C-alpha atoms as a PDB file:
ATOM      1  CA  MET A   1     -10.646 -18.998   2.679  1.00  0.00           C
ATOM      2  CA  PRO A   2      -9.936 -17.352  -0.403  1.00  0.00           C
ATOM      3  CA  VAL A   3      -8.075 -14.084  -1.096  1.00  0.00           C
ATOM      4  CA  SER A   4      -8.880 -10.515  -0.015  1.00  0.00           C
ATOM      5  CA  ILE A   5      -6.729  -7.622  -1.712  1.00  0.00           C
ATOM      6  CA  VAL A   6      -6.287  -4.158  -0.374  1.00  0.00           C
ATOM      7  CA  VAL A   7      -5.225  -1.399  -2.818  1.00  0.00           C
ATOM      8  CA  GLY A   8      -5.009   2.448  -2.887  1.00  0.00           C
ATOM      9  CA  GLY A   9      -7.860   4.827  -4.727  1.00  0.00           C
ATOM     10  CA  GLN A  10      -5.622   8.031  -4.880  1.00  0.00           C
ATOM     11  CA  PHE A  11      -1.885   8.637  -4.846  1.00  0.00           C
ATOM     12  CA  GLY A  12      -0.945   6.579  -2.533  1.00  0.00           C
ATOM     13  CA  SER A  13      -0.212   7.053   1.308  1.00  0.00           C
ATOM     14  CA  GLU A  14      -4.259   6.127   1.957  1.00  0.00           C
ATOM     15  CA  GLY A  15      -3.251   4.250   5.021  1.00  0.00           C
ATOM     16  CA  LYS A  16      -3.291   0.321   3.082  1.00  0.00           C
ATOM     17  CA  GLY A  17      -1.083  -1.203   5.961  1.00  0.00           C
ATOM     18  CA  LYS A  18      -3.508   0.249   8.849  1.00  0.00           C
ATOM     19  CA  VAL A  19      -6.239  -1.700   6.734  1.00  0.00           C
ATOM     20  CA  SER A  20      -4.581  -4.712   5.994  1.00  0.00           C
ATOM     21  CA  LEU A  21      -3.609  -4.914   9.580  1.00  0.00           C
ATOM     22  CA  GLU A  22      -7.009  -4.544  10.534  1.00  0.00           C
ATOM     23  CA  LEU A  23      -8.213  -7.555   8.195  1.00  0.00           C
ATOM     24  CA  ALA A  24      -5.257  -9.718   9.077  1.00  0.00           C
ATOM     25  CA  ARG A  25      -7.005  -8.863  12.837  1.00  0.00           C
ATOM     26  CA  ARG A  26     -10.253  -9.975  12.267  1.00  0.00           C
ATOM     27  CA  ALA A  27      -9.121 -12.920  10.655  1.00  0.00           C
ATOM     28  CA  ARG A  28      -6.762 -13.682  13.462  1.00  0.00           C
ATOM     29  CA  ARG A  29      -9.966 -12.726  16.328  1.00  0.00           C
ATOM     30  CA  SER A  30     -11.952 -15.308  14.024  1.00  0.00           C
ATOM     31  CA  ASN A  31      -9.261 -18.293  14.499  1.00  0.00           C
ATOM     32  CA  ILE A  32      -8.370 -18.043  10.846  1.00  0.00           C
ATOM     33  CA  PRO A  33      -5.182 -18.863   9.687  1.00  0.00           C
ATOM     34  CA  THR A  34      -3.769 -15.928   8.235  1.00  0.00           C
ATOM     35  CA  THR A  35      -0.524 -14.912   4.965  1.00  0.00           C
ATOM     36  CA  VAL A  36      -0.276 -11.609   4.158  1.00  0.00           C
ATOM     37  CA  VAL A  37       1.141 -11.151   0.230  1.00  0.00           C
ATOM     38  CA  ARG A  38       3.055  -7.941  -0.342  1.00  0.00           C
ATOM     39  CA  VAL A  39       3.704  -7.103  -3.989  1.00  0.00           C
ATOM     40  CA  GLY A  40       6.038  -4.657  -5.585  1.00  0.00           C
ATOM     41  CA  GLY A  41       8.717  -3.043  -4.146  1.00  0.00           C
ATOM     42  CA  PRO A  42      10.157  -0.948  -0.979  1.00  0.00           C
ATOM     43  CA  ASN A  43       9.244   2.616  -3.259  1.00  0.00           C
ATOM     44  CA  SER A  44       6.481   3.147  -0.741  1.00  0.00           C
ATOM     45  CA  GLY A  45       6.200   2.861   3.387  1.00  0.00           C
ATOM     46  CA  HIS A  46       3.343   1.181   4.687  1.00  0.00           C
ATOM     47  CA  THR A  47       3.061   2.185   8.400  1.00  0.00           C
ATOM     48  CA  GLY A  48       1.337   0.191  11.490  1.00  0.00           C
ATOM     49  CA  TYR A  49       1.029  -0.054  15.193  1.00  0.00           C
ATOM     50  CA  ASP A  50       1.625  -3.036  16.875  1.00  0.00           C
ATOM     51  CA  LYS A  51      -1.039  -4.026  19.746  1.00  0.00           C
ATOM     52  CA  SER A  52       1.461  -2.491  22.487  1.00  0.00           C
ATOM     53  CA  GLY A  53       1.253   0.460  20.267  1.00  0.00           C
ATOM     54  CA  LYS A  54       4.405   1.050  18.801  1.00  0.00           C
ATOM     55  CA  LYS A  55       4.750   2.034  15.522  1.00  0.00           C
ATOM     56  CA  PHE A  56       6.328   0.346  12.679  1.00  0.00           C
ATOM     57  CA  ALA A  57       7.084   1.959   9.122  1.00  0.00           C
ATOM     58  CA  LEU A  58       7.872  -0.742   6.955  1.00  0.00           C
ATOM     59  CA  ARG A  59       8.766  -0.498   3.156  1.00  0.00           C
ATOM     60  CA  GLN A  60       9.455  -4.147   2.391  1.00  0.00           C
ATOM     61  CA  LEU A  61       7.539  -6.519   5.020  1.00  0.00           C
ATOM     62  CA  PRO A  62       3.765  -6.181   4.737  1.00  0.00           C
ATOM     63  CA  ALA A  63       2.252  -4.070   7.386  1.00  0.00           C
ATOM     64  CA  GLY A  64      -0.241  -6.749   8.046  1.00  0.00           C
ATOM     65  CA  CYS A  65       2.758  -8.793   9.588  1.00  0.00           C
ATOM     66  CA  ILE A  66       2.827  -6.379  12.363  1.00  0.00           C
ATOM     67  CA  ASP A  67       1.247  -9.158  15.053  1.00  0.00           C
ATOM     68  CA  ARG A  68       3.586 -11.405  14.231  1.00  0.00           C
ATOM     69  CA  ASP A  69       1.104 -14.081  13.927  1.00  0.00           C
ATOM     70  CA  VAL A  70       0.748 -14.519  10.463  1.00  0.00           C
ATOM     71  CA  ASP A  71       2.466 -16.055   7.449  1.00  0.00           C
ATOM     72  CA  VAL A  72       4.485 -13.798   4.905  1.00  0.00           C
ATOM     73  CA  VAL A  73       4.501 -14.724   1.305  1.00  0.00           C
ATOM     74  CA  PHE A  74       6.910 -12.360  -1.222  1.00  0.00           C
ATOM     75  CA  PRO A  75       5.899 -13.934  -4.883  1.00  0.00           C
ATOM     76  CA  ALA A  76       7.563 -13.607  -8.017  1.00  0.00           C
ATOM     77  CA  GLY A  77       5.845 -10.294  -8.425  1.00  0.00           C
ATOM     78  CA  SER A  78       8.063  -8.673  -5.628  1.00  0.00           C
ATOM     79  CA  TYR A  79      10.992  -6.345  -5.667  1.00  0.00           C
ATOM     80  CA  ILE A  80      13.224  -7.112  -2.944  1.00  0.00           C
ATOM     81  CA  ASP A  81      15.765  -4.926  -1.255  1.00  0.00           C
ATOM     82  CA  VAL A  82      17.626  -7.761   0.304  1.00  0.00           C
ATOM     83  CA  ASP A  83      19.383  -5.300   3.352  1.00  0.00           C
ATOM     84  CA  LEU A  84      16.150  -3.571   3.692  1.00  0.00           C
ATOM     85  CA  LEU A  85      14.147  -7.009   4.228  1.00  0.00           C
ATOM     86  CA  LEU A  86      16.618  -8.181   6.739  1.00  0.00           C
ATOM     87  CA  ALA A  87      16.755  -5.400   8.973  1.00  0.00           C
ATOM     88  CA  GLU A  88      13.089  -5.068   9.173  1.00  0.00           C
ATOM     89  CA  VAL A  89      12.670  -8.955   9.906  1.00  0.00           C
ATOM     90  CA  SER A  90      15.260  -8.163  12.553  1.00  0.00           C
ATOM     91  CA  GLU A  91      13.399  -4.697  13.745  1.00  0.00           C
ATOM     92  CA  LEU A  92      10.255  -6.387  14.053  1.00  0.00           C
ATOM     93  CA  ASP A  93      11.944  -9.746  15.366  1.00  0.00           C
ATOM     94  CA  PHE A  94       9.486 -11.363  13.211  1.00  0.00           C
ATOM     95  CA  PRO A  95      10.119 -15.478  13.085  1.00  0.00           C
ATOM     96  CA  ARG A  96      11.972 -15.957   9.900  1.00  0.00           C
ATOM     97  CA  SER A  97      10.242 -19.146   9.507  1.00  0.00           C
ATOM     98  CA  ARG A  98       7.253 -17.727   8.240  1.00  0.00           C
ATOM     99  CA  ILE A  99       8.714 -16.061   5.366  1.00  0.00           C
ATOM    100  CA  THR A 100       8.425 -17.458   1.989  1.00  0.00           C
ATOM    101  CA  ILE A 101      10.152 -15.750  -0.746  1.00  0.00           C
ATOM    102  CA  SER A 102       9.443 -17.237  -4.689  1.00  0.00           C
ATOM    103  CA  HIS A 103      12.906 -18.136  -6.236  1.00  0.00           C
ATOM    104  CA  HIS A 104      11.783 -15.680  -9.000  1.00  0.00           C
ATOM    105  CA  ALA A 105      11.003 -12.455  -7.147  1.00  0.00           C
ATOM    106  CA  ARG A 106      13.614  -9.614  -8.260  1.00  0.00           C
ATOM    107  CA  VAL A 107      15.974  -7.973  -6.066  1.00  0.00           C
ATOM    108  CA  ILE A 108      17.322  -4.737  -6.356  1.00  0.00           C
ATOM    109  CA  THR A 109      20.624  -3.946  -6.425  1.00  0.00           C
ATOM    110  CA  GLN A 110      22.744  -0.550  -6.067  1.00  0.00           C
ATOM    111  CA  GLU A 111      23.079  -0.699  -9.512  1.00  0.00           C
ATOM    112  CA  HIS A 112      19.439  -0.012  -9.739  1.00  0.00           C
ATOM    113  CA  LYS A 113      19.341   2.583  -7.284  1.00  0.00           C
ATOM    114  CA  ASP A 114      22.195   4.435  -9.024  1.00  0.00           C
ATOM    115  CA  TRP A 115      20.597   4.016 -12.437  1.00  0.00           C
ATOM    116  CA  GLU A 116      17.536   6.074 -11.165  1.00  0.00           C
ATOM    117  CA  HIS A 117      19.288   8.743  -9.476  1.00  0.00           C
ATOM    118  CA  ASN A 118      21.339   8.998 -12.757  1.00  0.00           C
ATOM    119  CA  GLY A 119      18.139   9.651 -14.505  1.00  0.00           C
ATOM    120  CA  ASP A 120      17.095  12.620 -12.643  1.00  0.00           C
ATOM    121  CA  LEU A 121      13.789  10.554 -11.981  1.00  0.00           C
ATOM    122  CA  ILE A 122      13.530  11.764  -8.257  1.00  0.00           C
ATOM    123  CA  GLN A 123      13.289  15.600  -9.503  1.00  0.00           C
ATOM    124  CA  SER A 124      11.569  15.019 -12.544  1.00  0.00           C
ATOM    125  CA  ILE A 125       8.710  12.479 -11.231  1.00  0.00           C
ATOM    126  CA  GLY A 126       8.857  12.679  -7.547  1.00  0.00           C
ATOM    127  CA  SER A 127      10.633   9.126  -7.345  1.00  0.00           C
ATOM    128  CA  THR A 128      11.665   7.508  -4.179  1.00  0.00           C
ATOM    129  CA  GLY A 129      14.925   6.244  -5.937  1.00  0.00           C
ATOM    130  CA  ALA A 130      14.714   2.765  -4.338  1.00  0.00           C
ATOM    131  CA  GLY A 131      15.363   1.015  -7.732  1.00  0.00           C
ATOM    132  CA  VAL A 132      12.191  -0.435  -8.450  1.00  0.00           C
ATOM    133  CA  GLY A 133      11.634   0.835 -11.709  1.00  0.00           C
ATOM    134  CA  ALA A 134      15.125   0.106 -13.018  1.00  0.00           C
ATOM    135  CA  ALA A 135      14.632  -3.292 -11.282  1.00  0.00           C
ATOM    136  CA  VAL A 136      11.216  -3.707 -13.338  1.00  0.00           C
ATOM    137  CA  MET A 137      12.850  -2.334 -16.377  1.00  0.00           C
ATOM    138  CA  ALA A 138      15.670  -4.915 -15.912  1.00  0.00           C
ATOM    139  CA  ALA A 139      13.790  -7.937 -15.808  1.00  0.00           C
ATOM    140  CA  VAL A 140      11.812  -6.948 -18.761  1.00  0.00           C
ATOM    141  CA  ALA A 141      14.902  -6.694 -21.084  1.00  0.00           C
ATOM    142  CA  ARG A 142      15.648 -10.152 -20.641  1.00  0.00           C
ATOM    143  CA  ARG A 143      19.490  -9.886 -20.803  1.00  0.00           C
ATOM    144  CA  SER A 144      19.369  -7.525 -24.026  1.00  0.00           C
ATOM    145  CA  LYS A 145      22.639  -7.118 -24.831  1.00  0.00           C
ATOM    146  CA  ASN A 146      21.692  -3.141 -25.634  1.00  0.00           C
ATOM    147  CA  PHE A 147      20.725  -2.703 -22.173  1.00  0.00           C
ATOM    148  CA  GLU A 148      23.019  -1.801 -19.471  1.00  0.00           C
ATOM    149  CA  LEU A 149      21.106  -2.888 -16.060  1.00  0.00           C
ATOM    150  CA  THR A 150      21.109  -6.509 -14.988  1.00  0.00           C
ATOM    151  CA  SER A 151      18.416  -8.760 -13.063  1.00  0.00           C
ATOM    152  CA  LEU A 152      18.565 -11.070 -10.380  1.00  0.00           C
ATOM    153  CA  GLU A 153      16.354 -13.099  -8.846  1.00  0.00           C
ATOM    154  CA  ALA A 154      16.054 -13.923  -5.253  1.00  0.00           C
ATOM    155  CA  GLN A 155      17.434 -17.455  -5.682  1.00  0.00           C
ATOM    156  CA  ASP A 156      20.979 -15.959  -7.112  1.00  0.00           C
ATOM    157  CA  SER A 157      21.041 -14.269  -3.464  1.00  0.00           C
ATOM    158  CA  ALA A 158      22.776 -16.129  -0.740  1.00  0.00           C
ATOM    159  CA  SER A 159      21.285 -14.157   1.850  1.00  0.00           C
ATOM    160  CA  LEU A 160      17.544 -15.158   0.864  1.00  0.00           C
ATOM    161  CA  GLN A 161      18.518 -18.828   0.579  1.00  0.00           C
ATOM    162  CA  ARG A 162      16.668 -19.674   3.922  1.00  0.00           C
ATOM    163  CA  PHE A 163      13.247 -18.243   2.765  1.00  0.00           C
ATOM    164  CA  LEU A 164      13.201 -19.679  -1.048  1.00  0.00           C
ATOM    165  CA  GLY A 165      10.032 -21.323  -1.793  1.00  0.00           C
ATOM    166  CA  ASN A 166       7.324 -22.152  -4.934  1.00  0.00           C
ATOM    167  CA  SER A 167       5.265 -19.365  -3.971  1.00  0.00           C
ATOM    168  CA  THR A 168       2.229 -20.369  -6.102  1.00  0.00           C
ATOM    169  CA  ASP A 169       2.524 -23.771  -4.398  1.00  0.00           C
ATOM    170  CA  VAL A 170       2.618 -22.462  -0.988  1.00  0.00           C
ATOM    171  CA  LEU A 171      -0.060 -20.086  -1.567  1.00  0.00           C
ATOM    172  CA  ARG A 172      -2.591 -22.937  -2.675  1.00  0.00           C
ATOM    173  CA  LYS A 173      -1.782 -24.756  -0.108  1.00  0.00           C
ATOM    174  CA  LYS A 174      -2.479 -22.540   2.321  1.00  0.00           C
ATOM    175  CA  LEU A 175      -5.716 -21.516   0.669  1.00  0.00           C
ATOM    176  CA  ASP A 176      -6.567 -25.390   0.713  1.00  0.00           C
ATOM    177  CA  ASN A 177      -5.870 -25.450   4.410  1.00  0.00           C
ATOM    178  CA  SER A 178      -8.323 -22.824   4.867  1.00  0.00           C
ATOM    179  CA  HIS A 179      -6.060 -19.745   5.392  1.00  0.00           C
ATOM    180  CA  ARG A 180      -7.324 -16.285   4.707  1.00  0.00           C
ATOM    181  CA  VAL A 181      -4.763 -14.560   2.099  1.00  0.00           C
ATOM    182  CA  ILE A 182      -4.293 -10.953   2.308  1.00  0.00           C
ATOM    183  CA  ILE A 183      -2.373  -9.194  -0.664  1.00  0.00           C
ATOM    184  CA  GLU A 184      -1.030  -6.120   0.384  1.00  0.00           C
ATOM    185  CA  GLY A 185      -0.768  -3.600  -2.789  1.00  0.00           C
ATOM    186  CA  THR A 186       1.391  -0.444  -2.448  1.00  0.00           C
ATOM    187  CA  GLN A 187       0.900   3.009  -3.969  1.00  0.00           C
ATOM    188  CA  GLY A 188      -2.555   4.297  -5.632  1.00  0.00           C
ATOM    189  CA  PHE A 189      -4.652   4.223  -8.678  1.00  0.00           C
ATOM    190  CA  GLY A 190      -3.619   7.456  -9.718  1.00  0.00           C
ATOM    191  CA  LEU A 191      -0.216   6.478  -9.643  1.00  0.00           C
ATOM    192  CA  SER A 192      -0.690   3.307 -11.804  1.00  0.00           C
ATOM    193  CA  LEU A 193       1.657   3.064 -15.064  1.00  0.00           C
ATOM    194  CA  LEU A 194      -1.309   1.841 -17.355  1.00  0.00           C
ATOM    195  CA  ASP A 195      -4.493   3.062 -16.102  1.00  0.00           C
ATOM    196  CA  GLY A 196      -3.790   5.796 -13.622  1.00  0.00           C
ATOM    197  CA  GLY A 197      -4.249   8.800 -16.345  1.00  0.00           C
ATOM    198  CA  TYR A 198      -1.039  10.858 -15.072  1.00  0.00           C
ATOM    199  CA  TRP A 199       1.923   8.741 -17.241  1.00  0.00           C
ATOM    200  CA  PRO A 200       4.616   9.653 -16.768  1.00  0.00           C
ATOM    201  CA  LYS A 201       4.422  11.151 -13.202  1.00  0.00           C
ATOM    202  CA  ALA A 202       3.514   7.624 -12.146  1.00  0.00           C
ATOM    203  CA  THR A 203       5.022   4.482 -10.607  1.00  0.00           C
ATOM    204  CA  SER A 204       6.592   1.439 -12.419  1.00  0.00           C
ATOM    205  CA  ARG A 205       3.778  -0.837 -12.321  1.00  0.00           C
ATOM    206  CA  SER A 206       0.438  -1.264 -12.647  1.00  0.00           C
ATOM    207  CA  THR A 207      -1.452  -0.652  -8.842  1.00  0.00           C
ATOM    208  CA  THR A 208      -5.134  -2.264  -9.467  1.00  0.00           C
ATOM    209  CA  ALA A 209      -6.321  -5.472  -7.521  1.00  0.00           C
ATOM    210  CA  ALA A 210      -6.230  -7.060 -11.041  1.00  0.00           C
ATOM    211  CA  ALA A 211      -2.616  -6.361 -11.183  1.00  0.00           C
ATOM    212  CA  ALA A 212      -1.770  -7.148  -7.950  1.00  0.00           C
ATOM    213  CA  LEU A 213      -3.426 -10.843  -8.065  1.00  0.00           C
ATOM    214  CA  ALA A 214      -1.471 -11.252 -11.325  1.00  0.00           C
ATOM    215  CA  GLU A 215       1.908 -10.466  -9.477  1.00  0.00           C
ATOM    216  CA  THR A 216       0.934 -12.805  -6.822  1.00  0.00           C
ATOM    217  CA  GLY A 217       0.497 -15.849  -8.963  1.00  0.00           C
ATOM    218  CA  LEU A 218      -3.228 -17.060  -7.795  1.00  0.00           C
ATOM    219  CA  SER A 219      -6.729 -17.173 -10.130  1.00  0.00           C
ATOM    220  CA  PRO A 220      -8.919 -14.348  -9.939  1.00  0.00           C
ATOM    221  CA  LEU A 221     -11.475 -17.688  -8.911  1.00  0.00           C
ATOM    222  CA  ASP A 222      -9.643 -17.010  -5.726  1.00  0.00           C
ATOM    223  CA  VAL A 223     -10.686 -13.531  -4.428  1.00  0.00           C
ATOM    224  CA  ASP A 224     -13.810 -12.738  -2.646  1.00  0.00           C
ATOM    225  CA  ASP A 225     -12.877  -9.838  -1.094  1.00  0.00           C
ATOM    226  CA  VAL A 226     -11.221  -6.468  -2.696  1.00  0.00           C
ATOM    227  CA  THR A 227     -10.901  -3.321  -0.376  1.00  0.00           C
ATOM    228  CA  LEU A 228     -10.166   0.020  -1.797  1.00  0.00           C
ATOM    229  CA  VAL A 229      -8.328   2.526   0.727  1.00  0.00           C
ATOM    230  CA  ILE A 230      -9.163   6.282  -0.269  1.00  0.00           C
ATOM    231  CA  ARG A 231      -8.397   9.342   2.444  1.00  0.00           C
ATOM    232  CA  SER A 232     -10.231  12.253   3.163  1.00  0.00           C
ATOM    233  CA  PHE A 233      -7.629  14.937   1.744  1.00  0.00           C
ATOM    234  CA  PRO A 234      -5.066  13.003  -0.727  1.00  0.00           C
ATOM    235  CA  ILE A 235      -1.758  13.721  -1.337  1.00  0.00           C
ATOM    236  CA  ARG A 236       0.919  13.540  -3.404  1.00  0.00           C
ATOM    237  CA  VAL A 237       4.810  13.500  -3.024  1.00  0.00           C
ATOM    238  CA  ALA A 238       6.982  16.709  -2.641  1.00  0.00           C
ATOM    239  CA  GLY A 239       7.825  18.430  -6.012  1.00  0.00           C
ATOM    240  CA  ASP A 240       7.296  17.754  -9.345  1.00  0.00           C
ATOM    241  CA  SER A 241       5.187  14.731  -9.030  1.00  0.00           C
ATOM    242  CA  GLY A 242       2.199  15.449 -10.841  1.00  0.00           C
ATOM    243  CA  PRO A 243      -1.155  16.874 -10.630  1.00  0.00           C
ATOM    244  CA  LEU A 244      -3.057  17.095  -7.657  1.00  0.00           C
ATOM    245  CA  PRO A 245      -6.604  18.399  -8.294  1.00  0.00           C
ATOM    246  CA  ASN A 246      -7.865  21.164  -5.853  1.00  0.00           C
ATOM    247  CA  GLU A 247      -4.345  21.524  -3.985  1.00  0.00           C
ATOM    248  CA  VAL A 248      -4.447  23.006  -0.718  1.00  0.00           C
ATOM    249  CA  SER A 249      -2.215  24.185   1.884  1.00  0.00           C
ATOM    250  CA  TRP A 250      -1.655  22.418   5.088  1.00  0.00           C
ATOM    251  CA  ASP A 251      -2.790  25.507   6.950  1.00  0.00           C
ATOM    252  CA  TYR A 252      -6.335  24.969   5.288  1.00  0.00           C
ATOM    253  CA  VAL A 253      -6.280  21.298   6.411  1.00  0.00           C
ATOM    254  CA  SER A 254      -5.154  22.416   9.957  1.00  0.00           C
ATOM    255  CA  SER A 255      -8.396  25.111   9.848  1.00  0.00           C
ATOM    256  CA  LEU A 256     -10.798  22.173   9.645  1.00  0.00           C
ATOM    257  CA  THR A 257      -9.281  20.051  12.554  1.00  0.00           C
ATOM    258  CA  GLY A 258      -8.646  22.686  15.164  1.00  0.00           C
ATOM    259  CA  ARG A 259      -4.871  21.561  15.411  1.00  0.00           C
ATOM    260  CA  ARG A 260      -1.986  23.274  14.184  1.00  0.00           C
ATOM    261  CA  ALA A 261      -0.380  22.787  10.509  1.00  0.00           C
ATOM    262  CA  ALA A 262       2.661  21.127  12.159  1.00  0.00           C
ATOM    263  CA  GLU A 263       0.859  18.740  13.883  1.00  0.00           C
ATOM    264  CA  ILE A 264      -0.658  17.135  11.084  1.00  0.00           C
ATOM    265  CA  GLN A 265       1.927  17.818   8.228  1.00  0.00           C
ATOM    266  CA  GLU A 266       2.378  14.637   6.670  1.00  0.00           C
ATOM    267  CA  TYR A 267       6.006  13.714   4.925  1.00  0.00           C
ATOM    268  CA  THR A 268       6.886  10.865   2.907  1.00  0.00           C
ATOM    269  CA  THR A 269       8.129   7.504   4.461  1.00  0.00           C
ATOM    270  CA  VAL A 270      11.136   6.789   2.264  1.00  0.00           C
ATOM    271  CA  THR A 271      12.030  10.528   1.151  1.00  0.00           C
ATOM    272  CA  LYS A 272      11.041  12.447   4.313  1.00  0.00           C
ATOM    273  CA  LYS A 273       9.847  15.258   2.408  1.00  0.00           C
ATOM    274  CA  LEU A 274       6.486  17.559   2.777  1.00  0.00           C
ATOM    275  CA  ARG A 275       3.628  15.526   1.191  1.00  0.00           C
ATOM    276  CA  ARG A 276       1.260  18.387  -1.044  1.00  0.00           C
ATOM    277  CA  VAL A 277      -2.436  18.009  -0.398  1.00  0.00           C
ATOM    278  CA  GLY A 278      -5.258  18.517  -1.754  1.00  0.00           C
ATOM    279  CA  LYS A 279      -9.604  18.420  -1.610  1.00  0.00           C
ATOM    280  CA  PHE A 280     -11.322  14.796  -1.959  1.00  0.00           C
ATOM    281  CA  ASP A 281     -11.241  14.405  -6.053  1.00  0.00           C
ATOM    282  CA  PRO A 282     -14.621  11.943  -6.579  1.00  0.00           C
ATOM    283  CA  ALA A 283     -13.522  12.172 -10.192  1.00  0.00           C
ATOM    284  CA  LEU A 284     -10.326  10.227  -9.196  1.00  0.00           C
ATOM    285  CA  VAL A 285     -12.428   7.584  -6.788  1.00  0.00           C
ATOM    286  CA  ARG A 286     -14.890   7.048  -9.349  1.00  0.00           C
ATOM    287  CA  ALA A 287     -12.173   5.720 -11.722  1.00  0.00           C
ATOM    288  CA  ALA A 288     -10.620   3.663  -9.127  1.00  0.00           C
ATOM    289  CA  ILE A 289     -13.754   2.336  -8.016  1.00  0.00           C
ATOM    290  CA  ALA A 290     -14.369   1.294 -11.810  1.00  0.00           C
ATOM    291  CA  ALA A 291     -11.034  -0.183 -11.956  1.00  0.00           C
ATOM    292  CA  ASN A 292     -11.035  -2.462  -8.793  1.00  0.00           C
ATOM    293  CA  ARG A 293     -14.862  -2.965  -8.444  1.00  0.00           C
ATOM    294  CA  PRO A 294     -14.399  -3.109  -4.639  1.00  0.00           C
ATOM    295  CA  ASN A 295     -16.910  -4.667  -2.083  1.00  0.00           C
ATOM    296  CA  ARG A 296     -15.449  -2.418   0.558  1.00  0.00           C
ATOM    297  CA  ILE A 297     -14.168   1.029   0.651  1.00  0.00           C
ATOM    298  CA  VAL A 298     -12.603   2.510   4.008  1.00  0.00           C
ATOM    299  CA  MET A 299     -11.796   6.352   4.139  1.00  0.00           C
ATOM    300  CA  ASN A 300      -8.822   7.200   6.428  1.00  0.00           C
ATOM    301  CA  HIS A 301      -7.556  10.388   7.831  1.00  0.00           C
ATOM    302  CA  LEU A 302     -11.098  11.314   8.945  1.00  0.00           C
ATOM    303  CA  ASP A 303      -9.520  13.360  11.785  1.00  0.00           C
ATOM    304  CA  TYR A 304      -8.716  16.073   9.517  1.00  0.00           C
ATOM    305  CA  ILE A 305     -12.819  16.519   9.545  1.00  0.00           C
ATOM    306  CA  GLY A 306     -13.897  17.631  12.847  1.00  0.00           C
ATOM    307  CA  GLY A 307     -10.686  16.875  14.668  1.00  0.00           C
ATOM    308  CA  GLU A 308     -10.444  13.408  16.778  1.00  0.00           C
ATOM    309  CA  GLY A 309     -13.490  13.517  18.716  1.00  0.00           C
ATOM    310  CA  GLY A 310     -16.168  11.080  18.561  1.00  0.00           C
ATOM    311  CA  TRP A 311     -17.067   9.444  15.475  1.00  0.00           C
ATOM    312  CA  GLY A 312     -20.275  10.610  15.138  1.00  0.00           C
ATOM    313  CA  THR A 313     -19.368  14.317  14.584  1.00  0.00           C
ATOM    314  CA  LYS A 314     -22.071  15.949  12.479  1.00  0.00           C
ATOM    315  CA  LEU A 315     -19.431  17.507  10.190  1.00  0.00           C
ATOM    316  CA  ARG A 316     -17.627  14.203   9.765  1.00  0.00           C
ATOM    317  CA  ALA A 317     -20.983  12.509   8.787  1.00  0.00           C
ATOM    318  CA  ASP A 318     -22.081  15.387   6.522  1.00  0.00           C
ATOM    319  CA  PHE A 319     -18.671  14.999   4.595  1.00  0.00           C
ATOM    320  CA  ILE A 320     -19.250  11.159   4.328  1.00  0.00           C
ATOM    321  CA  LYS A 321     -22.783  11.726   3.222  1.00  0.00           C
ATOM    322  CA  LEU A 322     -21.553  14.118   0.407  1.00  0.00           C
ATOM    323  CA  VAL A 323     -18.536  11.744  -0.676  1.00  0.00           C
ATOM    324  CA  GLU A 324     -21.016   8.963  -1.090  1.00  0.00           C
ATOM    325  CA  GLU A 325     -23.125  11.086  -3.036  1.00  0.00           C
ATOM    326  CA  GLU A 326     -20.052  12.027  -5.246  1.00  0.00           C
ATOM    327  CA  ILE A 327     -18.425   8.532  -5.962  1.00  0.00           C
ATOM    328  CA  ASP A 328     -22.063   6.594  -5.507  1.00  0.00           C
ATOM    329  CA  GLN A 329     -20.829   3.823  -2.849  1.00  0.00           C
ATOM    330  CA  SER A 330     -20.707   3.696   0.862  1.00  0.00           C
ATOM    331  CA  ILE A 331     -17.940   4.409   2.839  1.00  0.00           C
ATOM    332  CA  ASP A 332     -17.768   1.222   4.703  1.00  0.00           C
ATOM    333  CA  TRP A 333     -15.343   1.428   7.619  1.00  0.00           C
ATOM    334  CA  TRP A 334     -14.095   4.661   8.962  1.00  0.00           C
ATOM    335  CA  GLY A 335     -10.364   5.498   9.988  1.00  0.00           C
ATOM    336  CA  VAL A 336      -9.834   8.401  12.544  1.00  0.00           C
ATOM    337  CA  GLY A 337      -6.185   8.825  13.584  1.00  0.00           C
ATOM    338  CA  PRO A 338      -3.246   6.119  13.066  1.00  0.00           C
ATOM    339  CA  LEU A 339      -4.695   3.419  15.002  1.00  0.00           C
ATOM    340  CA  GLN A 340      -8.647   2.988  14.416  1.00  0.00           C
ATOM    341  CA  CYS A 341     -10.238   1.829  11.884  1.00  0.00           C
ATOM    342  CA  ILE A 342     -14.238   0.521  12.586  1.00  0.00           C
ATOM    343  CA  ASP A 343     -17.289  -0.184  10.710  1.00  0.00           C
ATOM    344  CA  GLN A 344     -19.323   3.045   9.855  1.00  0.00           C
ATOM    345  CA  PRO A 345     -21.213   3.988  12.609  1.00  0.00           C
ATOM    346  CA  SER A 346     -24.672   3.842  12.835  1.00  0.00           C
ATOM    347  CA  GLU A 347     -27.046   7.188  12.264  1.00  0.00           C
ATOM    348  CA  ASN A 348     -27.907   7.301  15.938  1.00  0.00           C
ATOM    349  CA  ALA A 349     -24.290   7.701  17.049  1.00  0.00           C
ATOM    350  CA  VAL A 350     -24.205  11.456  14.890  1.00  0.00           C
END
């Protein structure tokens, strides 16, 4: 089986983890062996619910592994906080034998976290201070004598020895043995370092499907499925994190849901700060579509349009129709609430 890539089309927190988990579940229901790959690092959180309804907010493990019936690979393009990874493996009780980490994945150290905190990145760009950007810079510096940060590979960590393997070889063998490989990207297109358009209020990596694939060590010829995840009301993190077109208040959003603002306000997984929220911005999503060329678009947080009632409320259907006209592409999956993600309902459901 070939490769699926899941990426965000706005400023992150679009629900990529839920979608990755849904893709994994659909593959497993068809008895297709599945491997989930997490690129990037723990500067963003992916949330999903297991089959018993228990919530997991994961920063290092991919959310697509929450059901514990898939393999997990961290390729060379991963940045790993060792203590965090081991804590999440323990919390999820994930089988250690099903995890492979590239020898060349990078390790985030306390030095990297301290550098970001001391550099005022948390206040100046809304960084989570997780050390990913510093770890990226340290790797690119290649032990230059005039750069203060050091870089460690996974093979340098005693705690990761049991997980080490050649990630490209492992993934190639899985593909040869009819696995579906799901690459779980991080953050969103508007935060992309190279092409999001908001530098320096950006993350430390490119966040497109092509960039995620490059970090995985597989060929473009392996990919047959790209999912772009968006949300009805895009968000950015708190503080001076960069422009958010058509920014509104959570009170405004609550007026469309019939629920109190306190019930729907969102907080960042890592820093626990109240997110900023804005009206849907078609220009950003059109740019994300152009860069990623998705064959599937998922819109989450549709409960913000008409509440948590039936899938086919007219208000929600009208909103989707308008969005589809503005981005010139259909919305293929609908997400209402944190659990549900379904194929677009038929017109007679409205």
